[in-house]
Amino acid sequence: MPGLPPFHLSKEGHQMPAPLTIARRTLLVGWVALIGLVLAIVLSTHVAGALGYRVVIITGSSMAPAIPLGALVFEQAEPATQLAVGDSVTLALPHGSIVTHRVTRTVTMDGKVWLEAKGDANAEPDVALYPASAVTGVVRFHIPLAGFALAFLGIPSGILSVVSMMGSLLAARWLLEEVDADRRERVPAASRDLTGHGLPA
């Protein structure tokens, strides 16, 4: 409102940022956080590859709660002889899909290692045994929900949505700056001198 200083005074007499200032700062923090999140997710996949990790997006809930739906899993290759009960492994199935389950038993038949696996959330182990050669990697760690974000950024509409969101945040902040600048121009010089001082009751 015209005639008000850019700061409000609390009951104790301390200056408090005006609502417009708080809104601008909030939008800026949101914009920076969004950029940071996108960069962190994209860079993590590239850095992971350079460090020998393979990245997998968990699209099912069979490993919950240890590895929840939408998690981004980082795994490393492991020799068949080193696979052990309790390892969470990703398996490439014959029909082209992949599944991440926990090894519950290892069996050696005709000189080859076979695995029994089970999802933590499943009541029973998988029906068939898997050859150790089907294992693409052993899970080392995961980031919850990051898989959803990476998948979203992997489609054109997802990238467009993120870019639009960034643009909207900047546009909203710019509009608030314009409103605040216009309000300040309407404040009389005498009123500006009251900034930081108490107003008469």
C-alpha atoms as a PDB file:
ATOM      1  CA  MET A   1       0.000   0.000   0.000  1.00  0.00           C
ATOM      2  CA  PRO A   2       1.216   3.561  -0.718  1.00  0.00           C
ATOM      3  CA  GLY A   3       2.692   5.258   2.302  1.00  0.00           C
ATOM      4  CA  LEU A   4       3.991   2.071   3.956  1.00  0.00           C
ATOM      5  CA  PRO A   5       7.699   1.344   4.320  1.00  0.00           C
ATOM      6  CA  PRO A   6       9.209  -1.755   2.668  1.00  0.00           C
ATOM      7  CA  PHE A   7       9.596  -3.325   6.120  1.00  0.00           C
ATOM      8  CA  HIS A   8       6.976  -3.964   8.795  1.00  0.00           C
ATOM      9  CA  LEU A   9       7.784  -3.607  12.491  1.00  0.00           C
ATOM     10  CA  SER A  10       7.184  -6.476  14.912  1.00  0.00           C
ATOM     11  CA  LYS A  11       5.770  -5.892  18.372  1.00  0.00           C
ATOM     12  CA  GLU A  12       9.341  -5.839  19.677  1.00  0.00           C
ATOM     13  CA  GLY A  13      10.254  -3.088  17.208  1.00  0.00           C
ATOM     14  CA  HIS A  14      12.440  -5.237  14.946  1.00  0.00           C
ATOM     15  CA  GLN A  15      12.276  -4.852  11.191  1.00  0.00           C
ATOM     16  CA  MET A  16      10.560  -7.687   9.371  1.00  0.00           C
ATOM     17  CA  PRO A  17      10.653  -8.176   5.573  1.00  0.00           C
ATOM     18  CA  ALA A  18       7.501  -7.134   3.749  1.00  0.00           C
ATOM     19  CA  PRO A  19       5.377  -9.908   2.167  1.00  0.00           C
ATOM     20  CA  LEU A  20       6.595  -9.007  -1.334  1.00  0.00           C
ATOM     21  CA  THR A  21      10.207  -9.383  -0.241  1.00  0.00           C
ATOM     22  CA  ILE A  22       9.485 -12.751   1.342  1.00  0.00           C
ATOM     23  CA  ALA A  23       7.667 -13.925  -1.798  1.00  0.00           C
ATOM     24  CA  ARG A  24      10.551 -12.850  -4.057  1.00  0.00           C
ATOM     25  CA  ARG A  25      13.078 -14.646  -1.907  1.00  0.00           C
ATOM     26  CA  THR A  26      10.927 -17.772  -1.796  1.00  0.00           C
ATOM     27  CA  LEU A  27      10.625 -17.836  -5.590  1.00  0.00           C
ATOM     28  CA  LEU A  28      14.373 -17.382  -5.978  1.00  0.00           C
ATOM     29  CA  VAL A  29      15.085 -20.222  -3.548  1.00  0.00           C
ATOM     30  CA  GLY A  30      12.615 -22.450  -5.400  1.00  0.00           C
ATOM     31  CA  TRP A  31      14.227 -21.637  -8.757  1.00  0.00           C
ATOM     32  CA  VAL A  32      17.738 -22.355  -7.479  1.00  0.00           C
ATOM     33  CA  ALA A  33      16.582 -25.573  -5.776  1.00  0.00           C
ATOM     34  CA  LEU A  34      14.914 -26.798  -8.972  1.00  0.00           C
ATOM     35  CA  ILE A  35      18.041 -26.165 -11.037  1.00  0.00           C
ATOM     36  CA  GLY A  36      20.185 -27.829  -8.381  1.00  0.00           C
ATOM     37  CA  LEU A  37      17.943 -30.896  -8.297  1.00  0.00           C
ATOM     38  CA  VAL A  38      17.973 -31.312 -12.075  1.00  0.00           C
ATOM     39  CA  LEU A  39      21.746 -30.888 -12.290  1.00  0.00           C
ATOM     40  CA  ALA A  40      22.352 -33.260  -9.395  1.00  0.00           C
ATOM     41  CA  ILE A  41      20.257 -36.024 -10.956  1.00  0.00           C
ATOM     42  CA  VAL A  42      21.708 -35.642 -14.452  1.00  0.00           C
ATOM     43  CA  LEU A  43      25.305 -35.315 -13.286  1.00  0.00           C
ATOM     44  CA  SER A  44      24.984 -38.258 -10.893  1.00  0.00           C
ATOM     45  CA  THR A  45      24.200 -40.604 -13.777  1.00  0.00           C
ATOM     46  CA  HIS A  46      27.236 -39.428 -15.768  1.00  0.00           C
ATOM     47  CA  VAL A  47      29.561 -39.542 -12.772  1.00  0.00           C
ATOM     48  CA  ALA A  48      28.237 -42.979 -11.834  1.00  0.00           C
ATOM     49  CA  GLY A  49      29.159 -44.338 -15.268  1.00  0.00           C
ATOM     50  CA  ALA A  50      32.663 -42.923 -15.014  1.00  0.00           C
ATOM     51  CA  LEU A  51      33.086 -44.579 -11.603  1.00  0.00           C
ATOM     52  CA  GLY A  52      31.960 -47.975 -12.866  1.00  0.00           C
ATOM     53  CA  TYR A  53      28.373 -47.899 -11.633  1.00  0.00           C
ATOM     54  CA  ARG A  54      25.299 -48.814 -13.643  1.00  0.00           C
ATOM     55  CA  VAL A  55      22.111 -46.885 -12.967  1.00  0.00           C
ATOM     56  CA  VAL A  56      18.722 -48.602 -12.779  1.00  0.00           C
ATOM     57  CA  ILE A  57      15.280 -47.108 -12.157  1.00  0.00           C
ATOM     58  CA  ILE A  58      13.091 -49.247  -9.891  1.00  0.00           C
ATOM     59  CA  THR A  59       9.656 -49.512 -11.519  1.00  0.00           C
ATOM     60  CA  GLY A  60       8.071 -51.997  -9.111  1.00  0.00           C
ATOM     61  CA  SER A  61       7.437 -52.292  -5.388  1.00  0.00           C
ATOM     62  CA  SER A  62       8.671 -55.857  -4.831  1.00  0.00           C
ATOM     63  CA  MET A  63      11.771 -54.650  -2.945  1.00  0.00           C
ATOM     64  CA  ALA A  64       9.949 -52.204  -0.647  1.00  0.00           C
ATOM     65  CA  PRO A  65      10.666 -50.912   1.884  1.00  0.00           C
ATOM     66  CA  ALA A  66      14.425 -51.507   1.458  1.00  0.00           C
ATOM     67  CA  ILE A  67      14.376 -50.188  -2.118  1.00  0.00           C
ATOM     68  CA  PRO A  68      11.112 -48.315  -2.782  1.00  0.00           C
ATOM     69  CA  LEU A  69       9.276 -47.785  -6.035  1.00  0.00           C
ATOM     70  CA  GLY A  70      10.840 -44.956  -8.035  1.00  0.00           C
ATOM     71  CA  ALA A  71      14.275 -45.264  -6.471  1.00  0.00           C
ATOM     72  CA  LEU A  72      17.426 -44.710  -8.519  1.00  0.00           C
ATOM     73  CA  VAL A  73      19.725 -47.681  -7.922  1.00  0.00           C
ATOM     74  CA  PHE A  74      23.490 -47.677  -8.395  1.00  0.00           C
ATOM     75  CA  GLU A  75      24.977 -51.115  -9.000  1.00  0.00           C
ATOM     76  CA  GLN A  76      28.345 -52.652  -9.841  1.00  0.00           C
ATOM     77  CA  ALA A  77      29.290 -55.801 -11.706  1.00  0.00           C
ATOM     78  CA  GLU A  78      30.365 -58.721  -9.531  1.00  0.00           C
ATOM     79  CA  PRO A  79      31.880 -62.097 -10.519  1.00  0.00           C
ATOM     80  CA  ALA A  80      29.420 -64.975 -10.258  1.00  0.00           C
ATOM     81  CA  THR A  81      31.562 -66.653  -7.606  1.00  0.00           C
ATOM     82  CA  GLN A  82      31.321 -63.545  -5.412  1.00  0.00           C
ATOM     83  CA  LEU A  83      27.532 -63.382  -5.361  1.00  0.00           C
ATOM     84  CA  ALA A  84      26.173 -64.175  -1.916  1.00  0.00           C
ATOM     85  CA  VAL A  85      22.887 -64.663  -0.084  1.00  0.00           C
ATOM     86  CA  GLY A  86      21.524 -61.277   0.938  1.00  0.00           C
ATOM     87  CA  ASP A  87      22.854 -59.391  -2.095  1.00  0.00           C
ATOM     88  CA  SER A  88      20.320 -57.269  -3.937  1.00  0.00           C
ATOM     89  CA  VAL A  89      20.931 -57.927  -7.622  1.00  0.00           C
ATOM     90  CA  THR A  90      19.446 -56.776 -10.899  1.00  0.00           C
ATOM     91  CA  LEU A  91      18.658 -59.584 -13.320  1.00  0.00           C
ATOM     92  CA  ALA A  92      18.172 -59.311 -17.079  1.00  0.00           C
ATOM     93  CA  LEU A  93      15.358 -61.701 -17.958  1.00  0.00           C
ATOM     94  CA  PRO A  94      15.105 -63.572 -21.301  1.00  0.00           C
ATOM     95  CA  HIS A  95      12.037 -61.605 -22.467  1.00  0.00           C
ATOM     96  CA  GLY A  96      13.918 -58.309 -22.180  1.00  0.00           C
ATOM     97  CA  SER A  97      12.698 -56.977 -18.839  1.00  0.00           C
ATOM     98  CA  ILE A  98      14.827 -56.540 -15.742  1.00  0.00           C
ATOM     99  CA  VAL A  99      14.054 -57.168 -12.091  1.00  0.00           C
ATOM    100  CA  THR A 100      15.872 -56.276  -8.885  1.00  0.00           C
ATOM    101  CA  HIS A 101      15.508 -58.916  -6.175  1.00  0.00           C
ATOM    102  CA  ARG A 102      17.481 -60.248  -3.221  1.00  0.00           C
ATOM    103  CA  VAL A 103      19.495 -63.474  -3.464  1.00  0.00           C
ATOM    104  CA  THR A 104      18.077 -66.074  -1.059  1.00  0.00           C
ATOM    105  CA  ARG A 105      20.096 -69.117  -2.169  1.00  0.00           C
ATOM    106  CA  THR A 106      22.974 -70.017  -4.490  1.00  0.00           C
ATOM    107  CA  VAL A 107      23.214 -73.361  -6.274  1.00  0.00           C
ATOM    108  CA  THR A 108      26.057 -74.800  -8.353  1.00  0.00           C
ATOM    109  CA  MET A 109      24.945 -77.161 -11.116  1.00  0.00           C
ATOM    110  CA  ASP A 110      27.209 -78.544 -13.857  1.00  0.00           C
ATOM    111  CA  GLY A 111      29.877 -76.082 -12.853  1.00  0.00           C
ATOM    112  CA  LYS A 112      27.567 -73.061 -13.206  1.00  0.00           C
ATOM    113  CA  VAL A 113      26.168 -70.846 -10.472  1.00  0.00           C
ATOM    114  CA  TRP A 114      22.398 -70.428 -10.234  1.00  0.00           C
ATOM    115  CA  LEU A 115      20.498 -68.095  -7.956  1.00  0.00           C
ATOM    116  CA  GLU A 116      17.222 -68.220  -6.112  1.00  0.00           C
ATOM    117  CA  ALA A 117      15.905 -64.673  -5.639  1.00  0.00           C
ATOM    118  CA  LYS A 118      12.986 -63.027  -3.908  1.00  0.00           C
ATOM    119  CA  GLY A 119      11.527 -59.565  -3.618  1.00  0.00           C
ATOM    120  CA  ASP A 120      11.532 -58.342  -0.020  1.00  0.00           C
ATOM    121  CA  ALA A 121       7.824 -57.573  -0.273  1.00  0.00           C
ATOM    122  CA  ASN A 122       6.957 -60.946  -1.820  1.00  0.00           C
ATOM    123  CA  ALA A 123       5.798 -63.872   0.293  1.00  0.00           C
ATOM    124  CA  GLU A 124       7.625 -66.520  -1.726  1.00  0.00           C
ATOM    125  CA  PRO A 125      10.842 -66.710  -3.773  1.00  0.00           C
ATOM    126  CA  ASP A 126      10.645 -66.472  -7.543  1.00  0.00           C
ATOM    127  CA  VAL A 127       9.550 -69.730  -9.157  1.00  0.00           C
ATOM    128  CA  ALA A 128      12.578 -70.253 -11.399  1.00  0.00           C
ATOM    129  CA  LEU A 129      16.276 -70.169 -10.637  1.00  0.00           C
ATOM    130  CA  TYR A 130      18.352 -67.575 -12.462  1.00  0.00           C
ATOM    131  CA  PRO A 131      21.768 -68.188 -13.977  1.00  0.00           C
ATOM    132  CA  ALA A 132      24.421 -65.979 -12.400  1.00  0.00           C
ATOM    133  CA  SER A 133      25.168 -64.723 -15.906  1.00  0.00           C
ATOM    134  CA  ALA A 134      21.793 -62.931 -15.846  1.00  0.00           C
ATOM    135  CA  VAL A 135      22.990 -60.629 -13.071  1.00  0.00           C
ATOM    136  CA  THR A 136      23.851 -57.197 -14.449  1.00  0.00           C
ATOM    137  CA  GLY A 137      25.074 -55.862 -11.121  1.00  0.00           C
ATOM    138  CA  VAL A 138      24.887 -55.858  -7.354  1.00  0.00           C
ATOM    139  CA  VAL A 139      23.097 -52.918  -5.751  1.00  0.00           C
ATOM    140  CA  ARG A 140      25.485 -50.699  -3.771  1.00  0.00           C
ATOM    141  CA  PHE A 141      23.149 -47.853  -2.841  1.00  0.00           C
ATOM    142  CA  HIS A 142      20.011 -46.074  -4.005  1.00  0.00           C
ATOM    143  CA  ILE A 143      18.349 -42.650  -3.928  1.00  0.00           C
ATOM    144  CA  PRO A 144      14.587 -42.721  -3.202  1.00  0.00           C
ATOM    145  CA  LEU A 145      12.309 -41.037  -5.806  1.00  0.00           C
ATOM    146  CA  ALA A 146      15.274 -39.952  -7.955  1.00  0.00           C
ATOM    147  CA  GLY A 147      14.338 -42.601 -10.511  1.00  0.00           C
ATOM    148  CA  PHE A 148      10.976 -40.919 -11.099  1.00  0.00           C
ATOM    149  CA  ALA A 149      12.746 -37.601 -11.680  1.00  0.00           C
ATOM    150  CA  LEU A 150      15.295 -39.119 -14.073  1.00  0.00           C
ATOM    151  CA  ALA A 151      12.562 -40.889 -16.048  1.00  0.00           C
ATOM    152  CA  PHE A 152      10.593 -37.636 -16.201  1.00  0.00           C
ATOM    153  CA  LEU A 153      13.629 -35.790 -17.550  1.00  0.00           C
ATOM    154  CA  GLY A 154      14.125 -38.510 -20.132  1.00  0.00           C
ATOM    155  CA  ILE A 155      11.001 -37.612 -22.105  1.00  0.00           C
ATOM    156  CA  PRO A 156      10.428 -34.411 -24.159  1.00  0.00           C
ATOM    157  CA  SER A 157       7.307 -33.442 -22.221  1.00  0.00           C
ATOM    158  CA  GLY A 158       9.208 -33.797 -18.962  1.00  0.00           C
ATOM    159  CA  ILE A 159      12.018 -31.507 -20.098  1.00  0.00           C
ATOM    160  CA  LEU A 160       9.470 -29.008 -21.403  1.00  0.00           C
ATOM    161  CA  SER A 161       7.624 -29.065 -18.070  1.00  0.00           C
ATOM    162  CA  VAL A 162      10.797 -28.393 -16.077  1.00  0.00           C
ATOM    163  CA  VAL A 163      11.847 -25.559 -18.394  1.00  0.00           C
ATOM    164  CA  SER A 164       8.345 -24.075 -18.185  1.00  0.00           C
ATOM    165  CA  MET A 165       8.414 -24.300 -14.388  1.00  0.00           C
ATOM    166  CA  MET A 166      11.770 -22.513 -14.256  1.00  0.00           C
ATOM    167  CA  GLY A 167      10.478 -19.818 -16.573  1.00  0.00           C
ATOM    168  CA  SER A 168       7.314 -19.399 -14.519  1.00  0.00           C
ATOM    169  CA  LEU A 169       9.286 -18.959 -11.298  1.00  0.00           C
ATOM    170  CA  LEU A 170      11.505 -16.312 -12.885  1.00  0.00           C
ATOM    171  CA  ALA A 171       8.523 -14.530 -14.438  1.00  0.00           C
ATOM    172  CA  ALA A 172       6.666 -14.487 -11.112  1.00  0.00           C
ATOM    173  CA  ARG A 173       9.707 -13.082  -9.335  1.00  0.00           C
ATOM    174  CA  TRP A 174      10.137 -10.410 -12.026  1.00  0.00           C
ATOM    175  CA  LEU A 175       6.484  -9.394 -11.686  1.00  0.00           C
ATOM    176  CA  LEU A 176       6.839  -9.100  -7.918  1.00  0.00           C
ATOM    177  CA  GLU A 177       9.925  -6.926  -8.377  1.00  0.00           C
ATOM    178  CA  GLU A 178       7.973  -4.672 -10.733  1.00  0.00           C
ATOM    179  CA  VAL A 179       5.101  -4.399  -8.256  1.00  0.00           C
ATOM    180  CA  ASP A 180       7.489  -3.660  -5.405  1.00  0.00           C
ATOM    181  CA  ALA A 181       9.391  -1.064  -7.449  1.00  0.00           C
ATOM    182  CA  ASP A 182       6.142   0.641  -8.408  1.00  0.00           C
ATOM    183  CA  ARG A 183       5.012   0.684  -4.788  1.00  0.00           C
ATOM    184  CA  ARG A 184       8.303   2.193  -3.664  1.00  0.00           C
ATOM    185  CA  GLU A 185       8.043   4.945  -6.279  1.00  0.00           C
ATOM    186  CA  ARG A 186       4.669   5.954  -4.837  1.00  0.00           C
ATOM    187  CA  VAL A 187       5.959   6.195  -1.278  1.00  0.00           C
ATOM    188  CA  PRO A 188       6.580   9.875  -0.366  1.00  0.00           C
ATOM    189  CA  ALA A 189      10.123  10.790   0.551  1.00  0.00           C
ATOM    190  CA  ALA A 190       9.011  11.548   4.108  1.00  0.00           C
ATOM    191  CA  SER A 191       7.564   8.062   4.488  1.00  0.00           C
ATOM    192  CA  ARG A 192      10.791   6.475   3.268  1.00  0.00           C
ATOM    193  CA  ASP A 193      12.651   8.230   6.058  1.00  0.00           C
ATOM    194  CA  LEU A 194      10.526   6.260   8.539  1.00  0.00           C
ATOM    195  CA  THR A 195      12.049   2.960   7.415  1.00  0.00           C
ATOM    196  CA  GLY A 196      13.438   1.147  10.438  1.00  0.00           C
ATOM    197  CA  HIS A 197      11.689   3.483  12.939  1.00  0.00           C
ATOM    198  CA  GLY A 198       8.517   2.965  14.913  1.00  0.00           C
ATOM    199  CA  LEU A 199       5.310   4.498  13.651  1.00  0.00           C
ATOM    200  CA  PRO A 200       3.110   6.587  15.948  1.00  0.00           C
ATOM    201  CA  ALA A 201       0.201   4.658  17.427  1.00  0.00           C
END
